């Protein structure tokens, strides 16, 4: 095993268990960046579908919504 991997394992072993979840999350995100995995097509289609129902006048400044709505 290369020295850098051994160092990584040592650092992870020293971390509290409740913090290791953050390292795993970071590593998963890095893996998706390096491997170029695309976002889930079904989720992206659902997001695009929802965007057409957005009311831009309301979303620009939610604090100024009147009682009547936008």
Protein backbone atom coordinates (compact mmCIF):
# COMPACT_ATOMS: atom_id res chain seq x y z
CA UNK A 1 0.00 0.00 0.00
CA UNK A 2 1.42 3.42 -0.89
CA UNK A 3 2.52 5.62 1.98
CA UNK A 4 -0.14 8.24 1.23
CA UNK A 5 -2.95 5.70 1.65
CA UNK A 6 -1.45 4.48 4.90
CA UNK A 7 -1.33 8.09 6.12
CA UNK A 8 -4.99 8.55 5.13
CA UNK A 9 -6.01 5.40 7.02
CA UNK A 10 -4.09 6.55 10.09
CA UNK A 11 -5.80 9.94 10.04
CA UNK A 12 -9.24 8.38 9.67
CA UNK A 13 -8.57 5.92 12.49
CA UNK A 14 -7.71 8.83 14.81
CA UNK A 15 -10.98 10.62 14.05
CA UNK A 16 -14.06 10.21 16.25
CA UNK A 17 -16.62 7.87 14.69
CA UNK A 18 -19.26 10.59 14.43
CA UNK A 19 -16.92 12.70 12.26
CA UNK A 20 -15.93 9.94 9.84
CA UNK A 21 -19.30 10.29 8.11
CA UNK A 22 -18.18 13.71 6.85
CA UNK A 23 -15.00 12.25 5.39
CA UNK A 24 -16.98 9.52 3.64
CA UNK A 25 -19.34 12.13 2.20
CA UNK A 26 -16.42 14.22 0.90
CA UNK A 27 -14.80 11.15 -0.62
CA UNK A 28 -18.03 10.15 -2.37
CA UNK A 29 -18.39 13.65 -3.80
CA UNK A 30 -14.79 13.63 -4.99
CA UNK A 31 -15.32 10.23 -6.57
CA UNK A 32 -18.28 11.52 -8.56
CA UNK A 33 -16.22 14.52 -9.72
CA UNK A 34 -13.26 12.39 -10.77
CA UNK A 35 -15.35 9.75 -12.49
CA UNK A 36 -17.67 12.23 -14.15
CA UNK A 37 -20.88 10.60 -12.99
CA UNK A 38 -23.86 12.53 -14.20
CA UNK A 39 -26.79 13.56 -12.00
CA UNK A 40 -29.73 11.19 -12.02
CA UNK A 41 -31.64 11.93 -15.22
CA UNK A 42 -35.04 11.27 -13.63
CA UNK A 43 -34.34 13.74 -10.82
CA UNK A 44 -33.13 16.38 -13.27
CA UNK A 45 -36.29 15.99 -15.35
CA UNK A 46 -38.43 16.36 -12.23
CA UNK A 47 -36.51 19.50 -11.27
CA UNK A 48 -36.94 21.00 -14.74
CA UNK A 49 -40.66 20.18 -14.57
CA UNK A 50 -41.00 21.95 -11.22
CA UNK A 51 -39.19 25.05 -12.45
CA UNK A 52 -42.03 25.88 -14.82
CA UNK A 53 -44.40 26.28 -11.84
CA UNK A 54 -42.13 28.75 -10.08
CA UNK A 55 -43.48 32.24 -9.61
CA UNK A 56 -40.50 34.55 -10.17
CA UNK A 57 -42.20 37.61 -8.65
CA UNK A 58 -42.63 35.73 -5.39
CA UNK A 59 -39.27 34.04 -5.29
CA UNK A 60 -37.26 37.21 -5.84
CA UNK A 61 -38.14 38.65 -2.45
CA UNK A 62 -40.25 36.48 -0.19
CA UNK A 63 -40.32 39.11 2.54
CA UNK A 64 -42.43 41.49 0.43
CA UNK A 65 -45.29 39.11 -0.36
CA UNK A 66 -48.58 40.82 0.31
CA UNK A 67 -51.64 39.18 1.84
CA UNK A 68 -53.08 38.69 -1.64
CA UNK A 69 -50.02 36.81 -2.86
CA UNK A 70 -48.25 37.60 -6.08
